[in-house]
C-alpha atoms as a PDB file:
ATOM      1  CA  MET A   1     121.871 -52.689 -30.735  1.00  0.00           C
ATOM      2  CA  LYS A   2     119.826 -53.931 -33.669  1.00  0.00           C
ATOM      3  CA  ILE A   3     116.252 -53.786 -34.809  1.00  0.00           C
ATOM      4  CA  ALA A   4     114.624 -57.123 -35.538  1.00  0.00           C
ATOM      5  CA  PHE A   5     112.061 -57.726 -38.301  1.00  0.00           C
ATOM      6  CA  PHE A   6     110.203 -60.981 -38.065  1.00  0.00           C
ATOM      7  CA  ASP A   7     107.865 -62.615 -40.508  1.00  0.00           C
ATOM      8  CA  SER A   8     106.723 -66.137 -41.517  1.00  0.00           C
ATOM      9  CA  GLY A   9     108.604 -65.679 -44.840  1.00  0.00           C
ATOM     10  CA  MET A  10     109.582 -63.130 -47.446  1.00  0.00           C
ATOM     11  CA  GLY A  11     106.636 -60.744 -46.914  1.00  0.00           C
ATOM     12  CA  GLY A  12     108.303 -58.880 -44.032  1.00  0.00           C
ATOM     13  CA  LEU A  13     111.000 -57.732 -46.323  1.00  0.00           C
ATOM     14  CA  SER A  14     108.479 -55.154 -47.594  1.00  0.00           C
ATOM     15  CA  VAL A  15     108.455 -53.536 -44.064  1.00  0.00           C
ATOM     16  CA  LEU A  16     112.224 -53.854 -43.748  1.00  0.00           C
ATOM     17  CA  HIS A  17     112.610 -52.240 -47.189  1.00  0.00           C
ATOM     18  CA  HIS A  18     110.710 -49.177 -45.969  1.00  0.00           C
ATOM     19  CA  ALA A  19     112.693 -49.043 -42.756  1.00  0.00           C
ATOM     20  CA  MET A  20     115.992 -49.185 -44.602  1.00  0.00           C
ATOM     21  CA  LYS A  21     114.912 -46.078 -46.523  1.00  0.00           C
ATOM     22  CA  VAL A  22     113.975 -43.987 -43.516  1.00  0.00           C
ATOM     23  CA  LEU A  23     116.440 -45.286 -41.026  1.00  0.00           C
ATOM     24  CA  PRO A  24     119.747 -45.226 -42.922  1.00  0.00           C
ATOM     25  CA  HIS A  25     121.904 -45.404 -39.754  1.00  0.00           C
ATOM     26  CA  GLU A  26     120.483 -48.500 -38.081  1.00  0.00           C
ATOM     27  CA  GLN A  27     121.491 -52.115 -38.100  1.00  0.00           C
ATOM     28  CA  PHE A  28     118.823 -54.755 -38.732  1.00  0.00           C
ATOM     29  CA  VAL A  29     118.120 -58.439 -38.184  1.00  0.00           C
ATOM     30  CA  PHE A  30     115.583 -60.059 -40.520  1.00  0.00           C
ATOM     31  CA  TYR A  31     114.078 -63.393 -39.426  1.00  0.00           C
ATOM     32  CA  ALA A  32     111.988 -65.405 -41.813  1.00  0.00           C
ATOM     33  CA  ASP A  33     110.424 -68.515 -40.361  1.00  0.00           C
ATOM     34  CA  GLU A  34     110.937 -70.392 -43.594  1.00  0.00           C
ATOM     35  CA  ASP A  35     110.491 -73.728 -41.865  1.00  0.00           C
ATOM     36  CA  HIS A  36     106.836 -72.946 -41.126  1.00  0.00           C
ATOM     37  CA  VAL A  37     105.678 -70.596 -43.828  1.00  0.00           C
ATOM     38  CA  PRO A  38     102.783 -69.941 -44.541  1.00  0.00           C
ATOM     39  CA  TYR A  39     101.277 -68.947 -41.208  1.00  0.00           C
ATOM     40  CA  GLY A  40      97.878 -67.736 -42.558  1.00  0.00           C
ATOM     41  CA  THR A  41      96.609 -71.280 -42.992  1.00  0.00           C
ATOM     42  CA  LYS A  42      97.856 -72.717 -39.731  1.00  0.00           C
ATOM     43  CA  SER A  43      96.021 -72.965 -36.394  1.00  0.00           C
ATOM     44  CA  THR A  44      96.257 -70.150 -33.873  1.00  0.00           C
ATOM     45  CA  ALA A  45      98.126 -72.379 -31.379  1.00  0.00           C
ATOM     46  CA  GLU A  46     100.670 -73.362 -34.052  1.00  0.00           C
ATOM     47  CA  VAL A  47     101.357 -69.689 -34.932  1.00  0.00           C
ATOM     48  CA  GLN A  48     101.654 -68.742 -31.302  1.00  0.00           C
ATOM     49  CA  LYS A  49     104.243 -71.520 -30.841  1.00  0.00           C
ATOM     50  CA  PHE A  50     106.242 -70.415 -33.831  1.00  0.00           C
ATOM     51  CA  VAL A  51     106.224 -66.753 -32.784  1.00  0.00           C
ATOM     52  CA  GLY A  52     107.438 -67.684 -29.303  1.00  0.00           C
ATOM     53  CA  GLU A  53     110.320 -69.659 -30.724  1.00  0.00           C
ATOM     54  CA  ALA A  54     111.318 -66.752 -33.025  1.00  0.00           C
ATOM     55  CA  PHE A  55     111.272 -64.237 -30.116  1.00  0.00           C
ATOM     56  CA  ASP A  56     113.362 -66.590 -27.935  1.00  0.00           C
ATOM     57  CA  PHE A  57     115.952 -66.596 -30.714  1.00  0.00           C
ATOM     58  CA  LEU A  58     115.842 -62.896 -31.550  1.00  0.00           C
ATOM     59  CA  LEU A  59     116.264 -61.789 -27.879  1.00  0.00           C
ATOM     60  CA  LYS A  60     119.733 -63.437 -27.966  1.00  0.00           C
ATOM     61  CA  GLN A  61     120.762 -61.319 -30.980  1.00  0.00           C
ATOM     62  CA  ASP A  62     121.259 -57.958 -29.099  1.00  0.00           C
ATOM     63  CA  VAL A  63     118.006 -56.445 -30.395  1.00  0.00           C
ATOM     64  CA  LYS A  64     116.450 -53.312 -29.003  1.00  0.00           C
ATOM     65  CA  ALA A  65     113.069 -53.633 -30.695  1.00  0.00           C
ATOM     66  CA  ILE A  66     111.122 -56.277 -32.655  1.00  0.00           C
ATOM     67  CA  VAL A  67     108.854 -55.525 -35.512  1.00  0.00           C
ATOM     68  CA  VAL A  68     106.440 -58.319 -36.167  1.00  0.00           C
ATOM     69  CA  ALA A  69     106.187 -57.638 -39.900  1.00  0.00           C
ATOM     70  CA  CYS A  70     103.382 -60.192 -40.269  1.00  0.00           C
ATOM     71  CA  ASN A  71      99.697 -59.388 -39.916  1.00  0.00           C
ATOM     72  CA  THR A  72      98.878 -62.973 -39.038  1.00  0.00           C
ATOM     73  CA  ALA A  73     101.462 -63.261 -36.240  1.00  0.00           C
ATOM     74  CA  THR A  74     100.364 -59.852 -34.937  1.00  0.00           C
ATOM     75  CA  SER A  75      96.710 -60.910 -34.793  1.00  0.00           C
ATOM     76  CA  VAL A  76      97.275 -63.944 -32.777  1.00  0.00           C
ATOM     77  CA  ALA A  77     100.576 -63.590 -30.748  1.00  0.00           C
ATOM     78  CA  VAL A  78     101.717 -60.023 -30.257  1.00  0.00           C
ATOM     79  CA  ALA A  79      99.613 -59.408 -27.172  1.00  0.00           C
ATOM     80  CA  GLU A  80     101.205 -62.389 -25.450  1.00  0.00           C
ATOM     81  CA  MET A  81     104.749 -61.297 -26.496  1.00  0.00           C
ATOM     82  CA  ARG A  82     104.248 -57.927 -25.028  1.00  0.00           C
ATOM     83  CA  ARG A  83     103.197 -59.425 -21.777  1.00  0.00           C
ATOM     84  CA  ARG A  84     106.228 -61.651 -21.768  1.00  0.00           C
ATOM     85  CA  TYR A  85     108.958 -59.161 -22.877  1.00  0.00           C
ATOM     86  CA  ASP A  86     109.977 -55.644 -21.850  1.00  0.00           C
ATOM     87  CA  LEU A  87     111.172 -54.142 -25.140  1.00  0.00           C
ATOM     88  CA  PRO A  88     109.362 -52.229 -27.905  1.00  0.00           C
ATOM     89  CA  ILE A  89     107.305 -54.767 -29.905  1.00  0.00           C
ATOM     90  CA  ILE A  90     105.629 -53.224 -32.938  1.00  0.00           C
ATOM     91  CA  GLY A  91     102.904 -55.277 -34.720  1.00  0.00           C
ATOM     92  CA  MET A  92     100.932 -54.718 -37.882  1.00  0.00           C
ATOM     93  CA  GLU A  93      97.218 -54.548 -38.648  1.00  0.00           C
ATOM     94  CA  PRO A  94      95.472 -54.190 -41.972  1.00  0.00           C
ATOM     95  CA  ALA A  95      95.178 -50.446 -42.715  1.00  0.00           C
ATOM     96  CA  ALA A  96      91.455 -50.290 -42.853  1.00  0.00           C
ATOM     97  CA  LYS A  97      91.147 -46.968 -41.163  1.00  0.00           C
ATOM     98  CA  LYS A  98      93.806 -45.407 -43.407  1.00  0.00           C
ATOM     99  CA  ALA A  99      91.827 -46.683 -46.536  1.00  0.00           C
ATOM    100  CA  LEU A 100      88.522 -45.397 -45.223  1.00  0.00           C
ATOM    101  CA  ASP A 101      90.028 -42.026 -44.510  1.00  0.00           C
ATOM    102  CA  LEU A 102      91.109 -41.694 -48.184  1.00  0.00           C
ATOM    103  CA  ASP A 103      87.484 -41.377 -49.197  1.00  0.00           C
ATOM    104  CA  GLY A 104      84.750 -42.170 -46.687  1.00  0.00           C
ATOM    105  CA  THR A 105      81.970 -42.914 -49.097  1.00  0.00           C
ATOM    106  CA  HIS A 106      83.179 -45.714 -51.362  1.00  0.00           C
ATOM    107  CA  ARG A 107      83.836 -49.383 -50.303  1.00  0.00           C
ATOM    108  CA  VAL A 108      87.161 -50.726 -49.117  1.00  0.00           C
ATOM    109  CA  LEU A 109      88.346 -54.232 -49.797  1.00  0.00           C
ATOM    110  CA  VAL A 110      90.678 -55.662 -47.142  1.00  0.00           C
ATOM    111  CA  THR A 111      92.785 -58.638 -48.417  1.00  0.00           C
ATOM    112  CA  ALA A 112      94.776 -60.773 -45.952  1.00  0.00           C
ATOM    113  CA  THR A 113      95.442 -64.399 -45.063  1.00  0.00           C
ATOM    114  CA  PRO A 114      92.508 -66.598 -43.808  1.00  0.00           C
ATOM    115  CA  ILE A 115      93.540 -66.480 -40.139  1.00  0.00           C
ATOM    116  CA  THR A 116      93.689 -62.705 -40.228  1.00  0.00           C
ATOM    117  CA  VAL A 117      90.473 -62.283 -42.125  1.00  0.00           C
ATOM    118  CA  LYS A 118      88.544 -64.522 -39.801  1.00  0.00           C
ATOM    119  CA  GLY A 119      90.319 -63.422 -36.600  1.00  0.00           C
ATOM    120  CA  ARG A 120      88.842 -61.727 -33.605  1.00  0.00           C
ATOM    121  CA  LYS A 121      91.387 -58.853 -33.954  1.00  0.00           C
ATOM    122  CA  MET A 122      90.054 -58.092 -37.424  1.00  0.00           C
ATOM    123  CA  GLU A 123      86.435 -58.205 -36.190  1.00  0.00           C
ATOM    124  CA  LEU A 124      87.269 -55.605 -33.478  1.00  0.00           C
ATOM    125  CA  LEU A 125      89.160 -53.393 -35.935  1.00  0.00           C
ATOM    126  CA  ILE A 126      86.252 -53.393 -38.460  1.00  0.00           C
ATOM    127  CA  GLU A 127      83.727 -52.663 -35.596  1.00  0.00           C
ATOM    128  CA  LYS A 128      85.817 -49.802 -34.519  1.00  0.00           C
ATOM    129  CA  VAL A 129      86.553 -48.008 -37.836  1.00  0.00           C
ATOM    130  CA  ASP A 130      83.798 -49.063 -40.208  1.00  0.00           C
ATOM    131  CA  LYS A 131      80.727 -47.202 -38.905  1.00  0.00           C
ATOM    132  CA  ASP A 132      79.164 -47.085 -42.368  1.00  0.00           C
ATOM    133  CA  HIS A 133      79.750 -50.747 -43.183  1.00  0.00           C
ATOM    134  CA  LEU A 134      81.910 -50.069 -46.180  1.00  0.00           C
ATOM    135  CA  VAL A 135      84.594 -52.745 -45.525  1.00  0.00           C
ATOM    136  CA  ASP A 136      84.602 -56.148 -47.289  1.00  0.00           C
ATOM    137  CA  ARG A 137      87.175 -58.885 -46.603  1.00  0.00           C
ATOM    138  CA  LEU A 138      88.950 -61.279 -48.922  1.00  0.00           C
ATOM    139  CA  ALA A 139      91.376 -64.099 -47.999  1.00  0.00           C
ATOM    140  CA  LEU A 140      94.148 -64.526 -50.653  1.00  0.00           C
ATOM    141  CA  PRO A 141      96.257 -67.457 -49.258  1.00  0.00           C
ATOM    142  CA  GLU A 142      97.795 -68.498 -52.544  1.00  0.00           C
ATOM    143  CA  LEU A 143      99.591 -65.185 -52.847  1.00  0.00           C
ATOM    144  CA  VAL A 144     101.865 -66.160 -49.978  1.00  0.00           C
ATOM    145  CA  THR A 145     102.740 -69.408 -51.898  1.00  0.00           C
ATOM    146  CA  PHE A 146     103.433 -67.510 -55.039  1.00  0.00           C
ATOM    147  CA  ALA A 147     105.563 -64.916 -53.222  1.00  0.00           C
ATOM    148  CA  GLU A 148     107.718 -67.576 -51.515  1.00  0.00           C
ATOM    149  CA  ARG A 149     108.608 -69.122 -54.865  1.00  0.00           C
ATOM    150  CA  GLN A 150     109.123 -65.575 -56.341  1.00  0.00           C
ATOM    151  CA  GLU A 151     106.332 -66.107 -58.898  1.00  0.00           C
ATOM    152  CA  PHE A 152     105.060 -62.454 -58.925  1.00  0.00           C
ATOM    153  CA  ASN A 153     103.429 -61.775 -62.301  1.00  0.00           C
ATOM    154  CA  SER A 154     102.831 -65.047 -64.076  1.00  0.00           C
ATOM    155  CA  PRO A 155      99.595 -66.088 -65.906  1.00  0.00           C
ATOM    156  CA  ALA A 156      98.835 -68.301 -62.880  1.00  0.00           C
ATOM    157  CA  VAL A 157      99.028 -65.298 -60.508  1.00  0.00           C
ATOM    158  CA  THR A 158      96.803 -63.233 -62.838  1.00  0.00           C
ATOM    159  CA  ASP A 159      94.298 -66.020 -63.213  1.00  0.00           C
ATOM    160  CA  TYR A 160      94.141 -66.513 -59.480  1.00  0.00           C
ATOM    161  CA  LEU A 161      93.572 -62.857 -58.707  1.00  0.00           C
ATOM    162  CA  LYS A 162      90.938 -62.532 -61.502  1.00  0.00           C
ATOM    163  CA  GLU A 163      89.003 -65.420 -60.091  1.00  0.00           C
ATOM    164  CA  GLN A 164      89.202 -64.110 -56.459  1.00  0.00           C
ATOM    165  CA  LEU A 165      88.108 -60.534 -57.452  1.00  0.00           C
ATOM    166  CA  THR A 166      85.383 -61.547 -59.936  1.00  0.00           C
ATOM    167  CA  SER A 167      82.585 -61.326 -57.330  1.00  0.00           C
ATOM    168  CA  PHE A 168      83.351 -57.651 -56.433  1.00  0.00           C
ATOM    169  CA  ASP A 169      82.127 -54.669 -58.445  1.00  0.00           C
ATOM    170  CA  LEU A 170      85.389 -52.774 -58.246  1.00  0.00           C
ATOM    171  CA  SER A 171      83.850 -49.483 -59.592  1.00  0.00           C
ATOM    172  CA  GLU A 172      82.338 -49.181 -56.097  1.00  0.00           C
ATOM    173  CA  TYR A 173      85.660 -49.356 -54.280  1.00  0.00           C
ATOM    174  CA  SER A 174      88.235 -46.616 -53.500  1.00  0.00           C
ATOM    175  CA  ALA A 175      90.917 -48.795 -51.883  1.00  0.00           C
ATOM    176  CA  LEU A 176      92.363 -52.282 -51.693  1.00  0.00           C
ATOM    177  CA  VAL A 177      94.193 -52.859 -48.428  1.00  0.00           C
ATOM    178  CA  LEU A 178      97.252 -55.054 -48.697  1.00  0.00           C
ATOM    179  CA  GLY A 179      96.723 -56.746 -45.316  1.00  0.00           C
ATOM    180  CA  CYS A 180      99.518 -59.280 -45.643  1.00  0.00           C
ATOM    181  CA  THR A 181     103.098 -58.143 -46.142  1.00  0.00           C
ATOM    182  CA  HIS A 182     103.549 -60.783 -48.893  1.00  0.00           C
ATOM    183  CA  PHE A 183     100.922 -59.082 -51.006  1.00  0.00           C
ATOM    184  CA  ASN A 184     103.075 -56.001 -51.718  1.00  0.00           C
ATOM    185  CA  TYR A 185     105.054 -58.041 -54.326  1.00  0.00           C
ATOM    186  CA  PHE A 186     101.933 -58.208 -56.524  1.00  0.00           C
ATOM    187  CA  LYS A 187     101.064 -54.563 -56.916  1.00  0.00           C
ATOM    188  CA  ASP A 188     101.854 -54.476 -60.664  1.00  0.00           C
ATOM    189  CA  THR A 189      99.665 -57.435 -61.439  1.00  0.00           C
ATOM    190  CA  LEU A 190      96.875 -56.050 -59.248  1.00  0.00           C
ATOM    191  CA  ARG A 191      97.270 -52.627 -60.873  1.00  0.00           C
ATOM    192  CA  GLN A 192      96.467 -54.283 -64.243  1.00  0.00           C
ATOM    193  CA  LEU A 193      93.306 -55.875 -62.850  1.00  0.00           C
ATOM    194  CA  LEU A 194      91.946 -53.029 -60.718  1.00  0.00           C
ATOM    195  CA  PRO A 195      90.301 -49.852 -62.146  1.00  0.00           C
ATOM    196  CA  ASP A 196      92.096 -46.519 -61.632  1.00  0.00           C
ATOM    197  CA  ASN A 197      89.673 -45.568 -58.813  1.00  0.00           C
ATOM    198  CA  VAL A 198      91.048 -48.232 -56.569  1.00  0.00           C
ATOM    199  CA  ASN A 199      94.137 -47.148 -54.569  1.00  0.00           C
ATOM    200  CA  PHE A 200      96.627 -49.384 -52.691  1.00  0.00           C
ATOM    201  CA  VAL A 201      96.931 -49.059 -48.971  1.00  0.00           C
ATOM    202  CA  ASP A 202      99.213 -50.949 -46.628  1.00  0.00           C
ATOM    203  CA  GLY A 203     100.513 -50.662 -43.076  1.00  0.00           C
ATOM    204  CA  ASN A 204     104.194 -50.470 -43.620  1.00  0.00           C
ATOM    205  CA  GLU A 205     104.664 -46.734 -43.298  1.00  0.00           C
ATOM    206  CA  GLY A 206     102.544 -46.555 -40.159  1.00  0.00           C
ATOM    207  CA  THR A 207     104.367 -49.477 -38.641  1.00  0.00           C
ATOM    208  CA  VAL A 208     107.810 -48.038 -39.192  1.00  0.00           C
ATOM    209  CA  ASN A 209     106.663 -44.643 -38.017  1.00  0.00           C
ATOM    210  CA  GLU A 210     105.523 -46.273 -34.699  1.00  0.00           C
ATOM    211  CA  LEU A 211     108.854 -48.038 -34.446  1.00  0.00           C
ATOM    212  CA  ILE A 212     110.658 -44.684 -34.753  1.00  0.00           C
ATOM    213  CA  ARG A 213     108.391 -43.147 -32.189  1.00  0.00           C
ATOM    214  CA  ARG A 214     109.026 -45.910 -29.716  1.00  0.00           C
ATOM    215  CA  LEU A 215     112.810 -45.830 -30.209  1.00  0.00           C
ATOM    216  CA  LYS A 216     112.885 -42.008 -29.795  1.00  0.00           C
ATOM    217  CA  GLU A 217     110.943 -42.478 -26.457  1.00  0.00           C
ATOM    218  CA  ARG A 218     113.793 -44.663 -25.216  1.00  0.00           C
ATOM    219  CA  ASN A 219     116.583 -42.657 -26.868  1.00  0.00           C
ATOM    220  CA  LEU A 220     117.635 -45.751 -28.878  1.00  0.00           C
ATOM    221  CA  LEU A 221     118.076 -44.341 -32.283  1.00  0.00           C
ATOM    222  CA  GLU A 222     121.646 -45.042 -33.751  1.00  0.00           C
ATOM    223  CA  HIS A 223     124.158 -43.390 -36.057  1.00  0.00           C
ATOM    224  CA  LEU A 224     125.912 -46.420 -37.441  1.00  0.00           C
ATOM    225  CA  PRO A 225     126.637 -47.805 -40.983  1.00  0.00           C
ATOM    226  CA  GLN A 226     123.482 -49.573 -42.106  1.00  0.00           C
ATOM    227  CA  GLN A 227     123.746 -53.344 -42.006  1.00  0.00           C
ATOM    228  CA  VAL A 228     121.354 -56.320 -42.296  1.00  0.00           C
ATOM    229  CA  GLU A 229     121.721 -59.909 -41.088  1.00  0.00           C
ATOM    230  CA  TYR A 230     119.303 -62.522 -42.354  1.00  0.00           C
ATOM    231  CA  PHE A 231     118.075 -65.646 -40.600  1.00  0.00           C
ATOM    232  CA  TYR A 232     115.815 -68.499 -41.696  1.00  0.00           C
ATOM    233  CA  SER A 233     114.158 -70.067 -38.663  1.00  0.00           C
ATOM    234  CA  GLY A 234     117.193 -69.289 -36.514  1.00  0.00           C
ATOM    235  CA  ARG A 235     119.837 -70.273 -39.047  1.00  0.00           C
ATOM    236  CA  LYS A 236     122.062 -67.450 -40.359  1.00  0.00           C
ATOM    237  CA  VAL A 237     121.839 -67.040 -44.142  1.00  0.00           C
ATOM    238  CA  THR A 238     125.231 -67.232 -45.623  1.00  0.00           C
ATOM    239  CA  ASP A 239     124.639 -69.228 -48.816  1.00  0.00           C
ATOM    240  CA  MET A 240     125.084 -67.000 -51.851  1.00  0.00           C
ATOM    241  CA  VAL A 241     122.075 -68.411 -53.685  1.00  0.00           C
ATOM    242  CA  GLU A 242     119.729 -67.546 -50.712  1.00  0.00           C
ATOM    243  CA  LEU A 243     121.388 -64.038 -50.290  1.00  0.00           C
ATOM    244  CA  GLU A 244     120.714 -63.470 -53.990  1.00  0.00           C
ATOM    245  CA  ARG A 245     117.115 -64.634 -53.498  1.00  0.00           C
ATOM    246  CA  LEU A 246     116.704 -62.033 -50.747  1.00  0.00           C
ATOM    247  CA  GLN A 247     118.281 -59.388 -52.909  1.00  0.00           C
ATOM    248  CA  LYS A 248     115.904 -60.163 -55.809  1.00  0.00           C
ATOM    249  CA  CYS A 249     112.978 -59.782 -53.365  1.00  0.00           C
ATOM    250  CA  LEU A 250     114.241 -56.376 -52.271  1.00  0.00           C
ATOM    251  CA  SER A 251     114.800 -55.254 -55.875  1.00  0.00           C
ATOM    252  CA  ARG A 252     111.215 -56.376 -56.681  1.00  0.00           C
ATOM    253  CA  LEU A 253     109.989 -54.371 -53.665  1.00  0.00           C
ATOM    254  CA  GLU A 254     111.881 -51.280 -54.886  1.00  0.00           C
ATOM    255  CA  LYS A 255     109.911 -51.493 -58.182  1.00  0.00           C
ATOM    256  CA  MET A 256     106.578 -52.064 -56.327  1.00  0.00           C
ATOM    257  CA  TYR A 257     107.450 -49.017 -54.006  1.00  0.00           C
ATOM    258  CA  ARG A 258     106.773 -46.695 -56.975  1.00  0.00           C
ATOM    259  CA  ILE A 259     103.292 -48.141 -57.786  1.00  0.00           C
END
């Protein structure tokens, strides 16, 4: 049986990329809802509908677990999916606690999509972990658009990030949380703009660790040749141009993995 990774677009590849490193004997399905990307600027009801449709499709693909590799989809739809389906469903949340634990005295900037930044799930998370009121939030919706067209380190990307970060005194911060899986593509550009005291934190490792834990609980880990199938909104990707696009994204992520 396969492990499914689901996202609104190409961002979830960053979670799949990590899983491929630490689970070399598993077979994967990656589902990008390219018909409806981006999720972060949609309504909650729309995202819930799209996630439900994706799950209906994925459960016909012989999957043993689904990783919702999208912070936005996790924040508004994972609870309902867990009520609906009896299989391991692993979501993501911005790694604010992990960022605070790095230091504990300096500020933390959580970046995400608008729906995640403003969502009730984020409010509850910050209330729970941010006892000293050190966390600030910043929506960066345009990064999803840039990522989807594979524009990762252009002058336009740099100008956008400069403008968005200009109101923060970054010398006061110890971490920037990449609270959308699309944002991992921009670590080199961000590194050029951020002082050395600001570390990157994301939820990918923790999410994959939770996946492994849940699979071990059910004795579902495999020892097969690694394989990945790709789908765009339920359509299998077989076109060479699109397969090359996916491979370019994974190659980009391999470079960002070292930053």
